[in-house]
PDB file of N, CA and C in Angstrom:
ATOM      1  N   UNK A   1       0.887  -1.448   0.206  1.00  0.00           N
ATOM      2  CA  UNK A   1      -0.141  -0.136   0.414  1.00  0.00           C
ATOM      3  C   UNK A   1       1.355   1.264  -0.008  1.00  0.00           C
ATOM      4  N   UNK A   2       0.328   2.071  -0.952  1.00  0.00           N
ATOM      5  CA  UNK A   2       1.128   3.635  -1.197  1.00  0.00           C
ATOM      6  C   UNK A   2       0.751   4.349   0.380  1.00  0.00           C
ATOM      7  N   UNK A   3       1.670   5.334   0.894  1.00  0.00           N
ATOM      8  CA  UNK A   3       0.909   6.549   1.590  1.00  0.00           C
ATOM      9  C   UNK A   3      -0.463   7.076   1.355  1.00  0.00           C
ATOM     10  N   UNK A   4      -0.995   7.081  -0.014  1.00  0.00           N
ATOM     11  CA  UNK A   4      -2.369   7.633  -0.205  1.00  0.00           C
ATOM     12  C   UNK A   4      -2.956   6.894   0.161  1.00  0.00           C
ATOM     13  N   UNK A   5      -3.243   5.222   0.059  1.00  0.00           N
ATOM     14  CA  UNK A   5      -3.976   4.421   0.032  1.00  0.00           C
ATOM     15  C   UNK A   5      -3.852   4.347   1.675  1.00  0.00           C
ATOM     16  N   UNK A   6      -3.120   4.264   2.709  1.00  0.00           N
ATOM     17  CA  UNK A   6      -3.271   4.592   4.031  1.00  0.00           C
ATOM     18  C   UNK A   6      -4.339   5.372   4.392  1.00  0.00           C
ATOM     19  N   UNK A   7      -3.635   6.624   4.215  1.00  0.00           N
ATOM     20  CA  UNK A   7      -4.299   7.738   4.797  1.00  0.00           C
ATOM     21  C   UNK A   7      -5.619   8.240   3.730  1.00  0.00           C
ATOM     22  N   UNK A   8      -6.995   7.712   3.964  1.00  0.00           N
ATOM     23  CA  UNK A   8      -8.226   8.056   3.412  1.00  0.00           C
ATOM     24  C   UNK A   8      -8.377   9.961   3.113  1.00  0.00           C
ATOM     25  N   UNK A   9      -8.582  10.312   4.853  1.00  0.00           N
ATOM     26  CA  UNK A   9      -8.803  11.647   4.344  1.00  0.00           C
ATOM     27  C   UNK A   9      -8.998  11.926   5.837  1.00  0.00           C
ATOM     28  N   UNK A  10      -8.770  13.262   6.235  1.00  0.00           N
ATOM     29  CA  UNK A  10      -8.355  13.895   7.184  1.00  0.00           C
ATOM     30  C   UNK A  10     -10.381  14.169   7.874  1.00  0.00           C
ATOM     31  N   UNK A  11     -10.402  13.854   9.690  1.00  0.00           N
ATOM     32  CA  UNK A  11     -11.441  14.207  10.066  1.00  0.00           C
ATOM     33  C   UNK A  11     -11.527  15.499  10.648  1.00  0.00           C
ATOM     34  N   UNK A  12     -12.189  16.276   9.946  1.00  0.00           N
ATOM     35  CA  UNK A  12     -12.529  17.987  10.295  1.00  0.00           C
ATOM     36  C   UNK A  12     -14.053  18.195  11.569  1.00  0.00           C
ATOM     37  N   UNK A  13     -13.481  18.429  12.531  1.00  0.00           N
ATOM     38  CA  UNK A  13     -14.985  18.282  13.469  1.00  0.00           C
ATOM     39  C   UNK A  13     -14.853  18.993  14.678  1.00  0.00           C
ATOM     40  N   UNK A  14     -15.581  19.618  15.551  1.00  0.00           N
ATOM     41  CA  UNK A  14     -14.898  20.640  16.546  1.00  0.00           C
ATOM     42  C   UNK A  14     -14.048  20.327  17.623  1.00  0.00           C
ATOM     43  N   UNK A  15     -14.302  18.463  18.058  1.00  0.00           N
ATOM     44  CA  UNK A  15     -13.332  18.523  18.751  1.00  0.00           C
ATOM     45  C   UNK A  15     -11.993  17.987  18.024  1.00  0.00           C
ATOM     46  N   UNK A  16     -11.921  17.340  16.964  1.00  0.00           N
ATOM     47  CA  UNK A  16     -10.507  17.399  16.395  1.00  0.00           C
ATOM     48  C   UNK A  16     -10.111  18.571  16.768  1.00  0.00           C
ATOM     49  N   UNK A  17     -10.621  19.415  16.082  1.00  0.00           N
ATOM     50  CA  UNK A  17      -9.903  20.825  15.666  1.00  0.00           C
ATOM     51  C   UNK A  17      -9.456  21.783  17.313  1.00  0.00           C
ATOM     52  N   UNK A  18     -10.009  21.226  18.475  1.00  0.00           N
ATOM     53  CA  UNK A  18      -9.273  21.378  19.610  1.00  0.00           C
ATOM     54  C   UNK A  18      -7.602  20.494  19.580  1.00  0.00           C
ATOM     55  N   UNK A  19      -8.195  19.537  19.557  1.00  0.00           N
ATOM     56  CA  UNK A  19      -6.732  19.197  19.106  1.00  0.00           C
ATOM     57  C   UNK A  19      -5.793  19.829  18.930  1.00  0.00           C
ATOM     58  N   UNK A  20      -5.690  20.177  17.820  1.00  0.00           N
ATOM     59  CA  UNK A  20      -4.770  20.494  16.572  1.00  0.00           C
ATOM     60  C   UNK A  20      -4.665  22.019  17.028  1.00  0.00           C
ATOM     61  N   UNK A  21      -5.184  22.793  18.067  1.00  0.00           N
ATOM     62  CA  UNK A  21      -5.278  24.050  18.395  1.00  0.00           C
ATOM     63  C   UNK A  21      -4.330  23.641  19.862  1.00  0.00           C
ATOM     64  N   UNK A  22      -4.410  23.136  20.557  1.00  0.00           N
ATOM     65  CA  UNK A  22      -3.610  22.965  21.809  1.00  0.00           C
ATOM     66  C   UNK A  22      -2.755  21.858  21.814  1.00  0.00           C
ATOM     67  N   UNK A  23      -2.848  20.965  21.589  1.00  0.00           N
ATOM     68  CA  UNK A  23      -1.598  19.976  21.189  1.00  0.00           C
ATOM     69  C   UNK A  23      -1.022  18.853  19.684  1.00  0.00           C
ATOM     70  N   UNK A  24      -1.201  19.684  19.025  1.00  0.00           N
ATOM     71  CA  UNK A  24      -0.551  19.242  17.522  1.00  0.00           C
ATOM     72  C   UNK A  24      -1.142  17.240  17.245  1.00  0.00           C
ATOM     73  N   UNK A  25      -2.791  17.619  17.711  1.00  0.00           N
ATOM     74  CA  UNK A  25      -2.990  16.167  17.101  1.00  0.00           C
ATOM     75  C   UNK A  25      -3.853  16.036  16.126  1.00  0.00           C
ATOM     76  N   UNK A  26      -4.079  15.589  15.466  1.00  0.00           N
ATOM     77  CA  UNK A  26      -4.617  15.347  14.188  1.00  0.00           C
ATOM     78  C   UNK A  26      -5.253  14.175  14.199  1.00  0.00           C
ATOM     79  N   UNK A  27      -6.719  14.056  13.325  1.00  0.00           N
ATOM     80  CA  UNK A  27      -7.121  12.906  13.212  1.00  0.00           C
ATOM     81  C   UNK A  27      -7.516  12.540  11.607  1.00  0.00           C
ATOM     82  N   UNK A  28      -7.179  11.655  11.421  1.00  0.00           N
ATOM     83  CA  UNK A  28      -7.424  11.148   9.761  1.00  0.00           C
ATOM     84  C   UNK A  28      -8.142   9.417   9.882  1.00  0.00           C
ATOM     85  N   UNK A  29      -8.973   9.714   9.137  1.00  0.00           N
ATOM     86  CA  UNK A  29      -9.832   8.261   8.408  1.00  0.00           C
ATOM     87  C   UNK A  29      -8.458   7.945   7.799  1.00  0.00           C
ATOM     88  N   UNK A  30      -8.120   6.077   8.123  1.00  0.00           N
ATOM     89  CA  UNK A  30      -7.112   5.180   7.515  1.00  0.00           C
ATOM     90  C   UNK A  30      -7.585   4.092   7.020  1.00  0.00           C
ATOM     91  N   UNK A  31      -6.606   3.244   5.952  1.00  0.00           N
ATOM     92  CA  UNK A  31      -7.172   2.184   5.593  1.00  0.00           C
ATOM     93  C   UNK A  31      -7.468   1.182   6.802  1.00  0.00           C
ATOM     94  N   UNK A  32      -8.379   0.159   6.650  1.00  0.00           N
ATOM     95  CA  UNK A  32      -8.938  -0.513   8.004  1.00  0.00           C
ATOM     96  C   UNK A  32      -7.917  -1.796   8.408  1.00  0.00           C
ATOM     97  N   UNK A  33      -6.595  -2.367   7.396  1.00  0.00           N
ATOM     98  CA  UNK A  33      -5.718  -3.027   7.669  1.00  0.00           C
ATOM     99  C   UNK A  33      -4.210  -2.387   7.793  1.00  0.00           C
ATOM    100  N   UNK A  34      -4.308  -0.793   7.994  1.00  0.00           N
ATOM    101  CA  UNK A  34      -3.099  -0.290   8.428  1.00  0.00           C
ATOM    102  C   UNK A  34      -2.783  -0.520  10.032  1.00  0.00           C
ATOM    103  N   UNK A  35      -1.354  -0.778  10.296  1.00  0.00           N
ATOM    104  CA  UNK A  35      -0.625  -0.282  11.284  1.00  0.00           C
ATOM    105  C   UNK A  35      -0.467   0.669  11.602  1.00  0.00           C
ATOM    106  N   UNK A  36      -0.295   0.795  13.082  1.00  0.00           N
ATOM    107  CA  UNK A  36      -0.011   2.354  13.558  1.00  0.00           C
ATOM    108  C   UNK A  36       1.394   2.680  12.801  1.00  0.00           C
ATOM    109  N   UNK A  37       2.608   1.509  12.689  1.00  0.00           N
ATOM    110  CA  UNK A  37       3.991   2.261  12.327  1.00  0.00           C
ATOM    111  C   UNK A  37       3.449   2.733  10.696  1.00  0.00           C
ATOM    112  N   UNK A  38       2.950   2.070  10.072  1.00  0.00           N
ATOM    113  CA  UNK A  38       2.101   2.238   8.714  1.00  0.00           C
ATOM    114  C   UNK A  38       1.449   3.925   8.376  1.00  0.00           C
ATOM    115  N   UNK A  39       0.920   3.407   9.439  1.00  0.00           N
ATOM    116  CA  UNK A  39       0.444   5.107   9.360  1.00  0.00           C
ATOM    117  C   UNK A  39       1.315   6.199   9.618  1.00  0.00           C
ATOM    118  N   UNK A  40       2.251   6.111  10.616  1.00  0.00           N
ATOM    119  CA  UNK A  40       3.496   7.108  10.911  1.00  0.00           C
ATOM    120  C   UNK A  40       4.004   7.185   9.926  1.00  0.00           C
ATOM    121  N   UNK A  41       4.552   6.354   9.068  1.00  0.00           N
ATOM    122  CA  UNK A  41       4.969   6.396   8.015  1.00  0.00           C
ATOM    123  C   UNK A  41       4.352   7.065   7.203  1.00  0.00           C
ATOM    124  N   UNK A  42       3.063   6.735   7.009  1.00  0.00           N
ATOM    125  CA  UNK A  42       2.754   7.612   5.051  1.00  0.00           C
ATOM    126  C   UNK A  42       2.251   9.346   6.146  1.00  0.00           C
ATOM    127  N   UNK A  43       1.954   9.635   7.492  1.00  0.00           N
ATOM    128  CA  UNK A  43       1.928  10.782   7.609  1.00  0.00           C
ATOM    129  C   UNK A  43       3.309  11.163   7.813  1.00  0.00           C
ATOM    130  N   UNK A  44       4.144  10.993   8.029  1.00  0.00           N
ATOM    131  CA  UNK A  44       5.692  11.420   7.803  1.00  0.00           C
ATOM    132  C   UNK A  44       6.027  11.586   6.315  1.00  0.00           C
ATOM    133  N   UNK A  45       5.539  11.061   5.317  1.00  0.00           N
ATOM    134  CA  UNK A  45       6.332  10.751   4.153  1.00  0.00           C
ATOM    135  C   UNK A  45       4.979  12.179   3.128  1.00  0.00           C
ATOM    136  N   UNK A  46       3.676  12.244   3.277  1.00  0.00           N
ATOM    137  CA  UNK A  46       2.737  12.724   2.484  1.00  0.00           C
ATOM    138  C   UNK A  46       2.790  14.159   3.476  1.00  0.00           C
ATOM    139  N   UNK A  47       3.200  14.572   4.222  1.00  0.00           N
ATOM    140  CA  UNK A  47       3.201  16.296   5.212  1.00  0.00           C
ATOM    141  C   UNK A  47       4.379  16.254   5.653  1.00  0.00           C
ATOM    142  N   UNK A  48       5.480  15.547   5.685  1.00  0.00           N
ATOM    143  CA  UNK A  48       6.517  16.293   5.803  1.00  0.00           C
ATOM    144  C   UNK A  48       6.966  16.698   7.114  1.00  0.00           C
ATOM    145  N   UNK A  49       6.509  16.410   8.146  1.00  0.00           N
ATOM    146  CA  UNK A  49       6.259  16.111   9.796  1.00  0.00           C
ATOM    147  C   UNK A  49       6.936  14.729  10.300  1.00  0.00           C
ATOM    148  N   UNK A  50       7.322  15.230  11.547  1.00  0.00           N
ATOM    149  CA  UNK A  50       7.722  13.886  12.839  1.00  0.00           C
ATOM    150  C   UNK A  50       6.527  13.470  13.522  1.00  0.00           C
ATOM    151  N   UNK A  51       6.231  12.274  13.707  1.00  0.00           N
ATOM    152  CA  UNK A  51       5.040  11.467  14.497  1.00  0.00           C
ATOM    153  C   UNK A  51       5.824  11.427  15.342  1.00  0.00           C
ATOM    154  N   UNK A  52       5.144  11.489  16.576  1.00  0.00           N
ATOM    155  CA  UNK A  52       5.429  11.141  17.952  1.00  0.00           C
ATOM    156  C   UNK A  52       5.033   9.917  18.539  1.00  0.00           C
ATOM    157  N   UNK A  53       3.655   9.962  18.385  1.00  0.00           N
ATOM    158  CA  UNK A  53       2.710   8.781  18.403  1.00  0.00           C
ATOM    159  C   UNK A  53       1.220   8.020  17.818  1.00  0.00           C
ATOM    160  N   UNK A  54       0.706   7.200  17.567  1.00  0.00           N
ATOM    161  CA  UNK A  54      -0.252   7.268  16.595  1.00  0.00           C
ATOM    162  C   UNK A  54      -1.052   6.123  17.649  1.00  0.00           C
ATOM    163  N   UNK A  55      -2.475   6.499  18.094  1.00  0.00           N
ATOM    164  CA  UNK A  55      -3.520   5.759  18.701  1.00  0.00           C
ATOM    165  C   UNK A  55      -4.480   5.646  17.575  1.00  0.00           C
ATOM    166  N   UNK A  56      -4.951   4.574  17.513  1.00  0.00           N
ATOM    167  CA  UNK A  56      -5.712   3.852  16.593  1.00  0.00           C
ATOM    168  C   UNK A  56      -6.957   3.346  17.247  1.00  0.00           C
ATOM    169  N   UNK A  57      -8.635   3.462  16.549  1.00  0.00           N
ATOM    170  CA  UNK A  57     -10.209   3.410  16.962  1.00  0.00           C
ATOM    171  C   UNK A  57     -10.014   2.852  15.736  1.00  0.00           C
ATOM    172  N   UNK A  58     -11.058   1.395  16.417  1.00  0.00           N
ATOM    173  CA  UNK A  58     -11.931   0.640  14.791  1.00  0.00           C
ATOM    174  C   UNK A  58     -13.050   1.107  14.991  1.00  0.00           C
ATOM    175  N   UNK A  59     -14.051   1.785  14.173  1.00  0.00           N
ATOM    176  CA  UNK A  59     -15.325   2.578  14.696  1.00  0.00           C
ATOM    177  C   UNK A  59     -16.345   1.305  14.034  1.00  0.00           C
ATOM    178  N   UNK A  60     -17.137   1.445  14.715  1.00  0.00           N
ATOM    179  CA  UNK A  60     -18.045  -0.100  14.332  1.00  0.00           C
ATOM    180  C   UNK A  60     -18.991   0.847  12.896  1.00  0.00           C
ATOM    181  N   UNK A  61     -19.942   0.278  12.393  1.00  0.00           N
ATOM    182  CA  UNK A  61     -20.880   0.465  11.416  1.00  0.00           C
ATOM    183  C   UNK A  61     -22.331   0.855  12.668  1.00  0.00           C
ATOM    184  N   UNK A  62     -23.039   1.779  12.341  1.00  0.00           N
ATOM    185  CA  UNK A  62     -24.050   2.697  12.830  1.00  0.00           C
ATOM    186  C   UNK A  62     -25.665   1.801  12.218  1.00  0.00           C
ATOM    187  N   UNK A  63     -26.612   1.432  12.700  1.00  0.00           N
ATOM    188  CA  UNK A  63     -27.837   0.605  12.595  1.00  0.00           C
ATOM    189  C   UNK A  63     -28.406   1.907  11.733  1.00  0.00           C
ATOM    190  N   UNK A  64     -28.599   1.903  10.921  1.00  0.00           N
ATOM    191  CA  UNK A  64     -29.314   2.785   9.841  1.00  0.00           C
ATOM    192  C   UNK A  64     -30.704   2.401   9.056  1.00  0.00           C
ATOM    193  N   UNK A  65     -31.916   3.291   8.697  1.00  0.00           N
ATOM    194  CA  UNK A  65     -33.433   2.853   8.649  1.00  0.00           C
ATOM    195  C   UNK A  65     -33.605   3.352   7.533  1.00  0.00           C
ATOM    196  N   UNK A  66     -34.076   3.034   6.688  1.00  0.00           N
ATOM    197  CA  UNK A  66     -35.468   3.835   5.679  1.00  0.00           C
ATOM    198  C   UNK A  66     -36.434   2.782   5.312  1.00  0.00           C
ATOM    199  N   UNK A  67     -37.674   3.696   6.365  1.00  0.00           N
ATOM    200  CA  UNK A  67     -38.968   2.961   6.118  1.00  0.00           C
ATOM    201  C   UNK A  67     -39.133   1.461   6.820  1.00  0.00           C
ATOM    202  N   UNK A  68     -39.006   0.504   6.084  1.00  0.00           N
ATOM    203  CA  UNK A  68     -39.092  -1.063   7.077  1.00  0.00           C
ATOM    204  C   UNK A  68     -37.369  -1.694   6.822  1.00  0.00           C
ATOM    205  N   UNK A  69     -36.892  -1.154   6.374  1.00  0.00           N
ATOM    206  CA  UNK A  69     -35.656  -1.708   5.507  1.00  0.00           C
ATOM    207  C   UNK A  69     -34.581  -1.086   6.561  1.00  0.00           C
ATOM    208  N   UNK A  70     -33.936  -1.676   7.132  1.00  0.00           N
ATOM    209  CA  UNK A  70     -32.553  -1.617   8.161  1.00  0.00           C
ATOM    210  C   UNK A  70     -31.144  -2.227   7.471  1.00  0.00           C
ATOM    211  N   UNK A  71     -30.340  -1.645   7.359  1.00  0.00           N
ATOM    212  CA  UNK A  71     -28.779  -2.182   7.878  1.00  0.00           C
ATOM    213  C   UNK A  71     -27.846  -1.213   8.403  1.00  0.00           C
ATOM    214  N   UNK A  72     -26.609  -1.393   8.142  1.00  0.00           N
ATOM    215  CA  UNK A  72     -25.453  -1.404   8.953  1.00  0.00           C
ATOM    216  C   UNK A  72     -24.453  -0.142   7.875  1.00  0.00           C
ATOM    217  N   UNK A  73     -24.242   0.770   8.638  1.00  0.00           N
ATOM    218  CA  UNK A  73     -23.166   1.895   7.243  1.00  0.00           C
ATOM    219  C   UNK A  73     -21.417   1.124   7.302  1.00  0.00           C
ATOM    220  N   UNK A  74     -20.906   1.128   6.812  1.00  0.00           N
ATOM    221  CA  UNK A  74     -19.528   0.362   6.734  1.00  0.00           C
ATOM    222  C   UNK A  74     -18.817   0.484   8.295  1.00  0.00           C
ATOM    223  N   UNK A  75     -18.106  -0.666   8.718  1.00  0.00           N
ATOM    224  CA  UNK A  75     -16.922   0.252   9.537  1.00  0.00           C
ATOM    225  C   UNK A  75     -16.114   0.827   9.296  1.00  0.00           C
ATOM    226  N   UNK A  76     -14.696   1.550  10.065  1.00  0.00           N
ATOM    227  CA  UNK A  76     -13.815   2.557   9.542  1.00  0.00           C
ATOM    228  C   UNK A  76     -12.890   2.150  10.844  1.00  0.00           C
ATOM    229  N   UNK A  77     -11.628   3.033  10.138  1.00  0.00           N
ATOM    230  CA  UNK A  77     -10.693   2.708  11.401  1.00  0.00           C
ATOM    231  C   UNK A  77     -10.260   4.470  11.179  1.00  0.00           C
ATOM    232  N   UNK A  78     -10.015   5.017  12.537  1.00  0.00           N
ATOM    233  CA  UNK A  78      -9.609   6.365  12.604  1.00  0.00           C
ATOM    234  C   UNK A  78      -8.757   5.997  13.272  1.00  0.00           C
ATOM    235  N   UNK A  79      -7.270   7.213  12.992  1.00  0.00           N
ATOM    236  CA  UNK A  79      -6.126   7.030  13.679  1.00  0.00           C
ATOM    237  C   UNK A  79      -6.136   8.589  14.058  1.00  0.00           C
ATOM    238  N   UNK A  80      -5.723   8.874  15.409  1.00  0.00           N
ATOM    239  CA  UNK A  80      -4.900   9.828  16.523  1.00  0.00           C
ATOM    240  C   UNK A  80      -3.492  10.105  16.012  1.00  0.00           C
ATOM    241  N   UNK A  81      -3.414  11.265  15.393  1.00  0.00           N
ATOM    242  CA  UNK A  81      -1.630  11.525  15.327  1.00  0.00           C
ATOM    243  C   UNK A  81      -1.050  12.525  15.615  1.00  0.00           C
ATOM    244  N   UNK A  82      -0.077  12.670  17.041  1.00  0.00           N
ATOM    245  CA  UNK A  82       0.463  13.269  17.412  1.00  0.00           C
ATOM    246  C   UNK A  82       1.580  13.693  17.045  1.00  0.00           C
ATOM    247  N   UNK A  83       2.103  14.929  17.207  1.00  0.00           N
ATOM    248  CA  UNK A  83       3.213  15.667  16.514  1.00  0.00           C
ATOM    249  C   UNK A  83       4.190  15.628  17.407  1.00  0.00           C
ATOM    250  N   UNK A  84       5.544  15.425  17.137  1.00  0.00           N
ATOM    251  CA  UNK A  84       6.888  15.838  18.273  1.00  0.00           C
ATOM    252  C   UNK A  84       6.606  17.245  18.182  1.00  0.00           C
ATOM    253  N   UNK A  85       7.189  18.086  19.451  1.00  0.00           N
ATOM    254  CA  UNK A  85       7.147  19.191  19.910  1.00  0.00           C
ATOM    255  C   UNK A  85       7.888  19.819  18.892  1.00  0.00           C
ATOM    256  N   UNK A  86       8.931  19.765  17.819  1.00  0.00           N
ATOM    257  CA  UNK A  86       9.524  20.582  17.397  1.00  0.00           C
ATOM    258  C   UNK A  86       9.376  19.739  15.534  1.00  0.00           C
ATOM    259  N   UNK A  87       8.504  19.121  15.710  1.00  0.00           N
ATOM    260  CA  UNK A  87       8.246  19.422  13.769  1.00  0.00           C
ATOM    261  C   UNK A  87       7.018  20.406  14.074  1.00  0.00           C
ATOM    262  N   UNK A  88       6.863  20.645  12.508  1.00  0.00           N
ATOM    263  CA  UNK A  88       5.970  21.698  11.895  1.00  0.00           C
ATOM    264  C   UNK A  88       4.852  21.115  12.426  1.00  0.00           C
ATOM    265  N   UNK A  89       3.891  22.316  11.731  1.00  0.00           N
ATOM    266  CA  UNK A  89       2.379  22.113  11.840  1.00  0.00           C
ATOM    267  C   UNK A  89       2.368  21.093  10.477  1.00  0.00           C
ATOM    268  N   UNK A  90       0.805  20.940  10.137  1.00  0.00           N
ATOM    269  CA  UNK A  90       0.375  20.382   8.868  1.00  0.00           C
ATOM    270  C   UNK A  90      -0.291  21.775   8.622  1.00  0.00           C
ATOM    271  N   UNK A  91      -0.198  22.255   7.293  1.00  0.00           N
ATOM    272  CA  UNK A  91      -0.582  23.398   6.995  1.00  0.00           C
ATOM    273  C   UNK A  91      -2.051  22.929   6.270  1.00  0.00           C
ATOM    274  N   UNK A  92      -2.708  22.102   5.740  1.00  0.00           N
ATOM    275  CA  UNK A  92      -4.180  21.648   5.704  1.00  0.00           C
ATOM    276  C   UNK A  92      -5.217  22.168   6.412  1.00  0.00           C
ATOM    277  N   UNK A  93      -4.575  21.899   7.801  1.00  0.00           N
ATOM    278  CA  UNK A  93      -5.781  21.676   8.737  1.00  0.00           C
ATOM    279  C   UNK A  93      -5.411  23.382   9.615  1.00  0.00           C
ATOM    280  N   UNK A  94      -4.494  24.550   9.309  1.00  0.00           N
ATOM    281  CA  UNK A  94      -4.501  25.639  10.113  1.00  0.00           C
ATOM    282  C   UNK A  94      -5.393  26.315   9.132  1.00  0.00           C
ATOM    283  N   UNK A  95      -5.801  26.512   7.893  1.00  0.00           N
ATOM    284  CA  UNK A  95      -6.814  27.012   7.218  1.00  0.00           C
ATOM    285  C   UNK A  95      -8.313  26.760   8.054  1.00  0.00           C
ATOM    286  N   UNK A  96      -8.597  25.738   8.339  1.00  0.00           N
ATOM    287  CA  UNK A  96      -9.772  24.946   9.206  1.00  0.00           C
ATOM    288  C   UNK A  96     -10.210  26.069  10.320  1.00  0.00           C
ATOM    289  N   UNK A  97      -9.126  26.318  10.919  1.00  0.00           N
ATOM    290  CA  UNK A  97      -9.225  27.268  12.782  1.00  0.00           C
ATOM    291  C   UNK A  97      -9.469  28.848  11.795  1.00  0.00           C
TER     292      UNK A  97
END
């Protein structure tokens, strides 16, 4: 897998932006089979920063209904990436705050 296959998209919510502002913690949607080491290498390659720590969460699909029929949304994986103190910030998130 390439770095672009591992990092699917950034997660931009009020809570994730609070982590960016205070402690250089970024949130991404990642490939389900990606490991913490692969995620750290992909973020360093794409954004040119130094990663200190990666935490991952497997998010279950939620039950959705439309009339009588019901089903589950797909499950996915979320990664919280913390940068080192001397690392630069990711410019993509700077425009969002």
